[in-house]
Amino acid sequence: MAKTDTLHIRVEPTVKKKAEETLNELGMSITEAINVFLNQVILNDGIPFEIKKPRLNKETIQALEDTRNGKNLSKTFENADEMFKKLDK
């Protein structure tokens, strides 16, 4: 078995929990994912993906999170005229 080093990192609890859930669905542990990431850093001679500011504003990001968490954001209307009137505001 290869020798290993230990990394101690600090991560926000919610980020860790969400990452673990996603990685578990992919059949990976956080340790495996970090090893994949570090190997990609070596292969790419840098960060293996683009880092940039998100184009979404806070309200859009919150709406996306709400829908991912099952919050019902839909609005019903009696007819199309009522809907278009609401959209014009």
Protein backbone atom coordinates (compact mmCIF):
# COMPACT_ATOMS: atom_id res chain seq x y z
CA MET A 1 0.00 0.00 0.00
CA ALA A 2 1.29 3.46 -0.90
CA LYS A 3 2.24 5.85 1.85
CA THR A 4 -0.23 8.66 2.42
CA ASP A 5 -0.11 12.14 3.88
CA THR A 6 -2.93 13.70 5.83
CA LEU A 7 -4.53 17.01 4.91
CA HIS A 8 -6.40 19.01 7.51
CA ILE A 9 -8.79 21.47 5.90
CA ARG A 10 -11.59 23.68 7.18
CA VAL A 11 -14.85 23.67 5.27
CA GLU A 12 -18.23 25.16 6.05
CA PRO A 13 -20.48 22.37 7.40
CA THR A 14 -23.22 22.95 4.81
CA VAL A 15 -20.69 22.86 1.95
CA LYS A 16 -19.24 19.60 3.29
CA LYS A 17 -22.70 18.04 3.70
CA LYS A 18 -23.85 19.03 0.19
CA ALA A 19 -20.57 17.88 -1.35
CA GLU A 20 -20.78 14.53 0.46
CA GLU A 21 -24.35 14.02 -0.77
CA THR A 22 -23.38 14.78 -4.37
CA LEU A 23 -20.23 12.67 -4.24
CA ASN A 24 -22.09 9.76 -2.64
CA GLU A 25 -24.51 9.81 -5.57
CA LEU A 26 -21.45 9.56 -7.84
CA GLY A 27 -20.06 6.68 -5.77
CA MET A 28 -17.13 8.71 -4.47
CA SER A 29 -15.89 9.82 -1.07
CA ILE A 30 -14.54 13.28 -0.34
CA THR A 31 -11.06 11.77 -0.05
CA GLU A 32 -11.36 10.21 -3.52
CA ALA A 33 -12.67 13.46 -4.98
CA ILE A 34 -9.82 15.46 -3.46
CA ASN A 35 -7.31 12.97 -4.86
CA VAL A 36 -8.91 13.30 -8.31
CA PHE A 37 -8.77 17.09 -8.00
CA LEU A 38 -5.11 17.13 -6.92
CA ASN A 39 -4.13 14.77 -9.75
CA GLN A 40 -5.93 17.04 -12.21
CA VAL A 41 -4.03 20.04 -10.80
CA ILE A 42 -0.81 18.18 -11.59
CA LEU A 43 -1.94 17.11 -15.09
CA ASN A 44 -3.20 20.60 -15.97
CA ASP A 45 -0.33 22.40 -14.27
CA GLY A 46 -2.94 24.53 -12.50
CA ILE A 47 -6.57 24.60 -11.45
CA PRO A 48 -8.44 22.16 -13.75
CA PHE A 49 -11.41 24.46 -14.31
CA GLU A 50 -12.15 28.10 -14.94
CA ILE A 51 -12.66 30.30 -11.89
CA LYS A 52 -14.77 33.40 -12.38
CA LYS A 53 -17.44 35.46 -10.70
CA PRO A 54 -20.95 34.04 -11.01
CA ARG A 55 -23.19 35.91 -13.41
CA LEU A 56 -26.24 35.32 -11.27
CA ASN A 57 -27.43 37.85 -8.73
CA LYS A 58 -28.30 36.94 -5.14
CA GLU A 59 -32.04 36.72 -5.86
CA THR A 60 -31.53 34.30 -8.74
CA ILE A 61 -29.15 32.15 -6.71
CA GLN A 62 -31.68 32.07 -3.84
CA ALA A 63 -34.48 31.09 -6.23
CA LEU A 64 -32.35 28.25 -7.63
CA GLU A 65 -31.57 27.02 -4.12
CA ASP A 66 -35.25 27.22 -3.17
CA THR A 67 -36.28 25.09 -6.14
CA ARG A 68 -33.51 22.57 -5.44
CA ASN A 69 -34.79 22.31 -1.87
CA GLY A 70 -38.36 21.67 -3.03
CA LYS A 71 -39.81 25.07 -2.19
CA ASN A 72 -42.83 25.74 -4.38
CA LEU A 73 -42.29 29.06 -6.14
CA SER A 74 -45.03 28.69 -8.73
CA LYS A 75 -47.92 31.12 -9.01
CA THR A 76 -51.21 30.27 -10.62
CA PHE A 77 -53.48 32.63 -12.51
CA GLU A 78 -57.12 32.47 -13.49
CA ASN A 79 -56.32 33.34 -17.10
CA ALA A 80 -53.57 34.59 -19.42
CA ASP A 81 -54.65 38.24 -19.12
CA GLU A 82 -54.15 38.10 -15.34
CA MET A 83 -50.71 36.56 -15.82
CA PHE A 84 -49.57 39.16 -18.37
CA LYS A 85 -50.88 41.96 -16.17
CA LYS A 86 -48.75 40.64 -13.29
CA LEU A 87 -45.70 40.33 -15.60
CA ASP A 88 -45.99 43.96 -16.73
CA LYS A 89 -45.48 45.26 -13.17
